[in-house]
């Protein structure tokens, strides 16, 4: 599989095709057309036993070019089944994982990628297998209203790629996806916090917004979380906390609409945005002033 900084995009089928000593894609497609004629859409397994590992592998490659990823995965799997100890089997296994992923069969993609990792942990394609494993979780992340278990699994798998293969193109892509998945979790906390706030469950909403401030402060949701804390603490009559949240918001996000709204709420009650009292927000404020927060 191609490697290095000059590699083509991971989304291009050509990136995964083995050419060079194994012949051109054009020749492989021509060969596979003959294979199709001989065997039909799915050749019986007993008929496949008459073909070499390379012949079945090239048929699978052809199915990728037609975007029939289920059939491609089938033939790559047959290479692994019929020729388990060949070099083609190893190559077919990673391509089987790729085909399942492109066909949106994420569970099977994970199983194939994990088998590759278990069988060939030191192989040059192990980085890509880990990346496919992470993608099989990441691509299933739905809207913020769904359970976030897959998001946590995606973060864990992406972290493996980033930490174990930092110099690869997969790590660079994984960093971007990690940030998006991380932001996704913060969005979930915000959604639940706003739900509680709207229904006047102020203590419960504070707990959710606090999670965003303490655990997801690098995401785009921090400013709104601080504003919502101002709203919730004012509703609870905890003016020291509300003013301190406003002070942090003003120090870091003064140009945002969230600060303007918080400023209006505070001044409307004769208050101002400044750190007061001895609470978790005042501790955050002190850390921020020393440059140790955000």
Protein backbone atom coordinates (compact mmCIF):
# COMPACT_ATOMS: atom_id res chain seq x y z
CA UNK A 1 0.00 0.00 0.00
CA UNK A 2 1.29 3.43 -0.87
CA UNK A 3 3.16 5.32 1.80
CA UNK A 4 4.80 8.71 2.40
CA UNK A 5 3.87 12.35 2.27
CA UNK A 6 3.23 12.23 -1.46
CA UNK A 7 0.51 9.55 -1.19
CA UNK A 8 -2.77 10.12 -2.95
CA UNK A 9 -5.99 10.81 -1.09
CA UNK A 10 -7.28 7.95 1.00
CA UNK A 11 -10.66 8.32 -0.68
CA UNK A 12 -9.37 7.39 -4.12
CA UNK A 13 -9.67 3.78 -5.16
CA UNK A 14 -6.36 4.05 -7.00
CA UNK A 15 -4.56 4.49 -3.68
CA UNK A 16 -5.40 0.94 -2.72
CA UNK A 17 -4.66 -0.77 -6.04
CA UNK A 18 -1.54 -2.85 -6.34
CA UNK A 19 0.14 -2.14 -9.64
CA UNK A 20 3.80 -2.31 -10.62
CA UNK A 21 4.95 -5.91 -10.65
CA UNK A 22 1.36 -7.14 -10.45
CA UNK A 23 0.27 -5.49 -13.71
CA UNK A 24 -1.79 -2.44 -14.55
CA UNK A 25 -5.33 -1.85 -13.35
CA UNK A 26 -6.46 -1.98 -16.97
CA UNK A 27 -5.04 -5.47 -17.41
CA UNK A 28 -6.52 -6.54 -14.08
CA UNK A 29 -9.95 -5.30 -15.13
CA UNK A 30 -9.70 -7.10 -18.46
CA UNK A 31 -8.68 -10.29 -16.71
CA UNK A 32 -11.50 -9.90 -14.19
CA UNK A 33 -14.08 -9.50 -16.94
CA UNK A 34 -13.08 -12.93 -18.18
CA UNK A 35 -13.35 -14.17 -14.61
CA UNK A 36 -16.86 -12.72 -14.36
CA UNK A 37 -17.90 -14.52 -17.54
CA UNK A 38 -16.56 -17.80 -16.25
CA UNK A 39 -17.96 -17.62 -12.74
CA UNK A 40 -20.97 -15.32 -12.74
CA UNK A 41 -21.73 -12.74 -10.03
CA UNK A 42 -20.73 -15.06 -7.19
CA UNK A 43 -18.72 -18.06 -8.18
CA UNK A 44 -19.46 -21.16 -6.09
CA UNK A 45 -16.71 -21.78 -3.59
CA UNK A 46 -15.84 -25.11 -5.21
CA UNK A 47 -15.28 -23.31 -8.53
CA UNK A 48 -13.05 -20.70 -6.90
CA UNK A 49 -10.73 -23.44 -5.77
CA UNK A 50 -9.64 -23.75 -9.39
CA UNK A 51 -8.29 -20.19 -9.42
CA UNK A 52 -5.07 -18.85 -7.98
CA UNK A 53 -4.92 -16.37 -5.12
CA UNK A 54 -3.79 -13.66 -7.54
CA UNK A 55 -6.69 -14.35 -9.92
CA UNK A 56 -9.32 -14.10 -7.18
CA UNK A 57 -7.62 -11.03 -5.75
CA UNK A 58 -7.72 -9.26 -9.11
CA UNK A 59 -11.38 -10.12 -9.48
CA UNK A 60 -11.96 -8.45 -6.11
CA UNK A 61 -10.06 -5.37 -7.30
CA UNK A 62 -12.29 -5.21 -10.34
CA UNK A 63 -15.40 -5.25 -8.12
CA UNK A 64 -14.01 -2.21 -6.31
CA UNK A 65 -13.79 -0.32 -9.60
CA UNK A 66 -17.49 -1.06 -10.16
CA UNK A 67 -18.23 0.07 -6.57
CA UNK A 68 -19.69 -3.34 -5.74
CA UNK A 69 -17.98 -3.39 -2.36
CA UNK A 70 -19.95 -6.31 -0.93
CA UNK A 71 -18.82 -8.55 -3.78
CA UNK A 72 -15.27 -7.24 -3.49
CA UNK A 73 -15.22 -8.09 0.21
CA UNK A 74 -16.52 -11.57 -0.63
CA UNK A 75 -13.69 -12.29 -3.03
CA UNK A 76 -11.01 -10.80 -0.79
CA UNK A 77 -12.37 -13.06 1.95
CA UNK A 78 -12.11 -16.04 -0.37
CA UNK A 79 -8.43 -15.30 -0.94
CA UNK A 80 -7.95 -15.36 2.82
CA UNK A 81 -9.95 -18.59 3.14
CA UNK A 82 -8.40 -20.55 0.27
CA UNK A 83 -4.82 -19.28 0.55
CA UNK A 84 -4.42 -18.43 4.26
CA UNK A 85 -0.60 -18.56 4.34
CA UNK A 86 0.14 -16.67 1.14
CA UNK A 87 1.27 -13.06 0.72
CA UNK A 88 -1.98 -12.51 -1.16
CA UNK A 89 -3.95 -13.47 1.94
CA UNK A 90 -2.37 -10.71 4.00
CA UNK A 91 -3.00 -8.18 1.25
CA UNK A 92 -6.56 -9.41 0.78
CA UNK A 93 -7.36 -9.07 4.48
CA UNK A 94 -6.63 -5.34 4.61
CA UNK A 95 -8.53 -4.87 1.36
CA UNK A 96 -11.44 -6.85 2.77
CA UNK A 97 -11.60 -4.39 5.67
CA UNK A 98 -11.46 -1.49 3.20
CA UNK A 99 -14.25 -2.99 1.07
CA UNK A 100 -16.52 -3.58 4.04
CA UNK A 101 -15.94 -0.01 5.18
CA UNK A 102 -16.71 1.45 1.77
CA UNK A 103 -19.84 -0.69 1.67
CA UNK A 104 -20.88 0.74 5.06
CA UNK A 105 -20.73 -2.63 6.75
CA UNK A 106 -18.88 -1.14 9.68
CA UNK A 107 -19.07 -4.13 12.02
CA UNK A 108 -17.47 -6.43 9.45
CA UNK A 109 -14.91 -3.74 8.63
CA UNK A 110 -13.92 -3.62 12.30
CA UNK A 111 -13.62 -7.40 12.48
CA UNK A 112 -11.43 -7.60 9.38
CA UNK A 113 -9.24 -4.67 10.47
CA UNK A 114 -8.80 -6.17 13.92
CA UNK A 115 -7.84 -9.54 12.44
CA UNK A 116 -5.15 -7.82 10.39
CA UNK A 117 -3.85 -6.05 13.49
CA UNK A 118 -3.83 -9.31 15.46
CA UNK A 119 -2.11 -11.32 12.71
CA UNK A 120 0.31 -8.67 11.38
CA UNK A 121 0.95 -6.11 14.16
CA UNK A 122 4.33 -5.08 12.75
CA UNK A 123 3.30 -4.95 9.09
CA UNK A 124 3.59 -1.68 7.16
CA UNK A 125 -0.19 -1.71 6.69
CA UNK A 126 -0.91 -2.01 10.42
CA UNK A 127 -1.23 1.79 10.60
CA UNK A 128 -3.90 1.73 7.92
CA UNK A 129 -5.70 -1.16 9.65
CA UNK A 130 -5.84 0.90 12.86
CA UNK A 131 -7.09 3.88 10.85
CA UNK A 132 -9.85 1.77 9.25
CA UNK A 133 -10.81 0.49 12.68
CA UNK A 134 -11.14 4.07 13.93
CA UNK A 135 -13.11 5.13 10.85
CA UNK A 136 -15.55 2.27 11.36
CA UNK A 137 -16.54 3.94 14.63
CA UNK A 138 -16.16 7.54 13.52
CA UNK A 139 -18.36 7.17 10.44
CA UNK A 140 -21.20 5.89 12.59
CA UNK A 141 -21.34 8.97 14.79
CA UNK A 142 -24.84 10.33 14.35
CA UNK A 143 -26.42 13.58 15.43
CA UNK A 144 -25.94 14.75 19.01
CA UNK A 145 -29.27 13.27 20.07
CA UNK A 146 -27.94 9.71 19.84
CA UNK A 147 -26.00 7.64 22.36
CA UNK A 148 -22.36 8.67 22.45
CA UNK A 149 -20.78 5.26 23.01
CA UNK A 150 -19.51 5.13 19.42
CA UNK A 151 -18.01 8.59 19.82
CA UNK A 152 -15.94 7.45 22.80
CA UNK A 153 -14.82 4.35 20.90
CA UNK A 154 -13.90 6.49 17.91
CA UNK A 155 -11.82 8.79 20.12
CA UNK A 156 -9.99 5.85 21.66
CA UNK A 157 -9.24 4.28 18.27
CA UNK A 158 -8.18 7.60 16.74
CA UNK A 159 -5.84 8.22 19.67
CA UNK A 160 -4.08 4.92 18.93
CA UNK A 161 -3.42 6.04 15.35
CA UNK A 162 -2.16 9.45 16.50
CA UNK A 163 0.12 8.09 19.21
CA UNK A 164 1.46 4.95 17.54
CA UNK A 165 1.85 6.25 13.97
CA UNK A 166 2.48 10.01 14.36
CA UNK A 167 4.43 10.41 11.10
CA UNK A 168 1.83 8.87 8.81
CA UNK A 169 -0.86 10.52 6.72
CA UNK A 170 -3.37 8.53 8.78
CA UNK A 171 -2.30 10.34 11.97
CA UNK A 172 -2.80 13.73 10.34
CA UNK A 173 -6.29 12.75 9.28
CA UNK A 174 -6.97 11.19 12.69
CA UNK A 175 -6.10 14.46 14.47
CA UNK A 176 -8.76 16.33 12.51
CA UNK A 177 -11.36 13.64 13.14
CA UNK A 178 -10.41 13.46 16.83
CA UNK A 179 -11.10 17.18 17.21
CA UNK A 180 -14.48 16.81 15.49
CA UNK A 181 -15.46 13.84 17.63
CA UNK A 182 -14.33 15.67 20.76
CA UNK A 183 -16.47 18.64 19.77
CA UNK A 184 -19.35 16.23 19.20
CA UNK A 185 -19.21 15.11 22.83
CA UNK A 186 -19.23 18.72 24.02
CA UNK A 187 -22.24 19.38 21.81
CA UNK A 188 -24.05 16.50 23.52
CA UNK A 189 -23.38 18.00 26.96
CA UNK A 190 -24.63 21.37 25.74
CA UNK A 191 -27.79 19.85 24.31
CA UNK A 192 -28.64 18.16 27.61
CA UNK A 193 -27.72 21.27 29.60
CA UNK A 194 -29.99 23.46 27.48
CA UNK A 195 -32.77 20.89 27.91
CA UNK A 196 -32.53 21.12 31.70
CA UNK A 197 -32.19 24.90 31.65
CA UNK A 198 -35.31 25.33 29.52
CA UNK A 199 -37.27 23.22 31.98
CA UNK A 200 -35.88 25.16 34.96
CA UNK A 201 -33.84 22.25 36.30
CA UNK A 202 -31.05 24.68 37.00
CA UNK A 203 -28.77 22.52 39.17
CA UNK A 204 -28.81 19.74 36.58
CA UNK A 205 -28.05 22.20 33.80
CA UNK A 206 -25.11 23.62 35.76
CA UNK A 207 -23.61 20.14 36.05
CA UNK A 208 -23.67 19.71 32.26
CA UNK A 209 -22.22 23.15 31.48
CA UNK A 210 -19.52 22.60 34.08
CA UNK A 211 -18.44 19.45 32.23
CA UNK A 212 -17.96 21.52 29.08
CA UNK A 213 -15.85 24.11 30.93
CA UNK A 214 -13.68 21.57 32.71
CA UNK A 215 -13.35 18.83 30.10
CA UNK A 216 -14.08 20.38 26.71
CA UNK A 217 -12.70 23.90 27.07
CA UNK A 218 -10.86 23.69 23.74
CA UNK A 219 -14.09 23.24 21.77
CA UNK A 220 -16.29 25.87 20.20
CA UNK A 221 -18.94 25.43 22.92
CA UNK A 222 -17.05 27.04 25.81
CA UNK A 223 -18.39 30.57 25.35
CA UNK A 224 -22.00 29.45 25.28
CA UNK A 225 -21.45 27.17 28.28
CA UNK A 226 -20.20 30.15 30.32
CA UNK A 227 -23.20 32.22 29.26
CA UNK A 228 -25.60 29.43 30.20
CA UNK A 229 -23.90 29.25 33.60
CA UNK A 230 -24.63 32.95 34.07
CA UNK A 231 -28.28 32.27 33.26
CA UNK A 232 -28.56 29.24 35.53
CA UNK A 233 -26.72 30.76 38.50
CA UNK A 234 -28.78 33.93 38.33
CA UNK A 235 -31.94 31.81 38.35
CA UNK A 236 -30.61 29.99 41.43
CA UNK A 237 -29.73 33.29 43.14
CA UNK A 238 -26.01 32.44 43.18
CA UNK A 239 -24.76 35.84 42.11
CA UNK A 240 -21.07 35.28 42.94
CA UNK A 241 -20.93 32.30 40.57
CA UNK A 242 -22.89 34.15 37.90
CA UNK A 243 -20.58 37.17 38.01
CA UNK A 244 -17.47 34.98 37.97
CA UNK A 245 -18.74 33.08 34.92
CA UNK A 246 -19.35 36.46 33.28
CA UNK A 247 -15.82 37.58 34.15
CA UNK A 248 -14.26 34.49 32.54
CA UNK A 249 -16.48 34.98 29.52
CA UNK A 250 -15.49 38.64 29.21
CA UNK A 251 -11.79 37.87 29.54
CA UNK A 252 -11.76 35.20 26.83
CA UNK A 253 -14.76 35.87 24.61
CA UNK A 254 -15.54 39.55 24.96
CA UNK A 255 -16.33 40.00 21.26
CA UNK A 256 -18.96 37.25 21.19
CA UNK A 257 -22.71 37.54 21.41
CA UNK A 258 -22.60 35.29 24.46
CA UNK A 259 -20.67 37.89 26.44
CA UNK A 260 -23.00 40.66 25.30
CA UNK A 261 -26.01 38.64 26.46
CA UNK A 262 -24.38 37.81 29.80
CA UNK A 263 -23.34 41.42 30.31
CA UNK A 264 -26.95 42.53 29.76
CA UNK A 265 -28.25 39.94 32.22
CA UNK A 266 -25.77 40.93 34.92
CA UNK A 267 -26.08 44.69 34.59
CA UNK A 268 -29.86 44.32 34.42
CA UNK A 269 -29.70 43.06 38.00
CA UNK A 270 -27.17 45.65 39.16
CA UNK A 271 -24.28 43.18 38.95
CA UNK A 272 -21.00 43.15 37.04
CA UNK A 273 -18.70 40.63 35.45
CA UNK A 274 -16.01 40.05 38.07
CA UNK A 275 -14.63 37.16 40.07
CA UNK A 276 -16.23 36.83 43.49
CA UNK A 277 -16.37 34.25 46.26
CA UNK A 278 -14.56 30.94 46.64
CA UNK A 279 -16.09 28.44 44.24
CA UNK A 280 -15.05 26.24 41.33
CA UNK A 281 -15.42 29.13 38.87
CA UNK A 282 -13.29 31.49 40.94
CA UNK A 283 -10.57 28.82 40.90
CA UNK A 284 -10.88 28.64 37.12
CA UNK A 285 -10.66 32.42 36.97
CA UNK A 286 -7.46 32.50 39.03
CA UNK A 287 -5.89 29.85 36.84
CA UNK A 288 -6.91 31.77 33.75
CA UNK A 289 -5.34 35.00 35.01
CA UNK A 290 -2.07 33.12 35.56
CA UNK A 291 -2.28 31.77 32.04
CA UNK A 292 -2.85 28.16 33.16
CA UNK A 293 -6.38 27.75 31.81
CA UNK A 294 -7.88 27.83 28.31
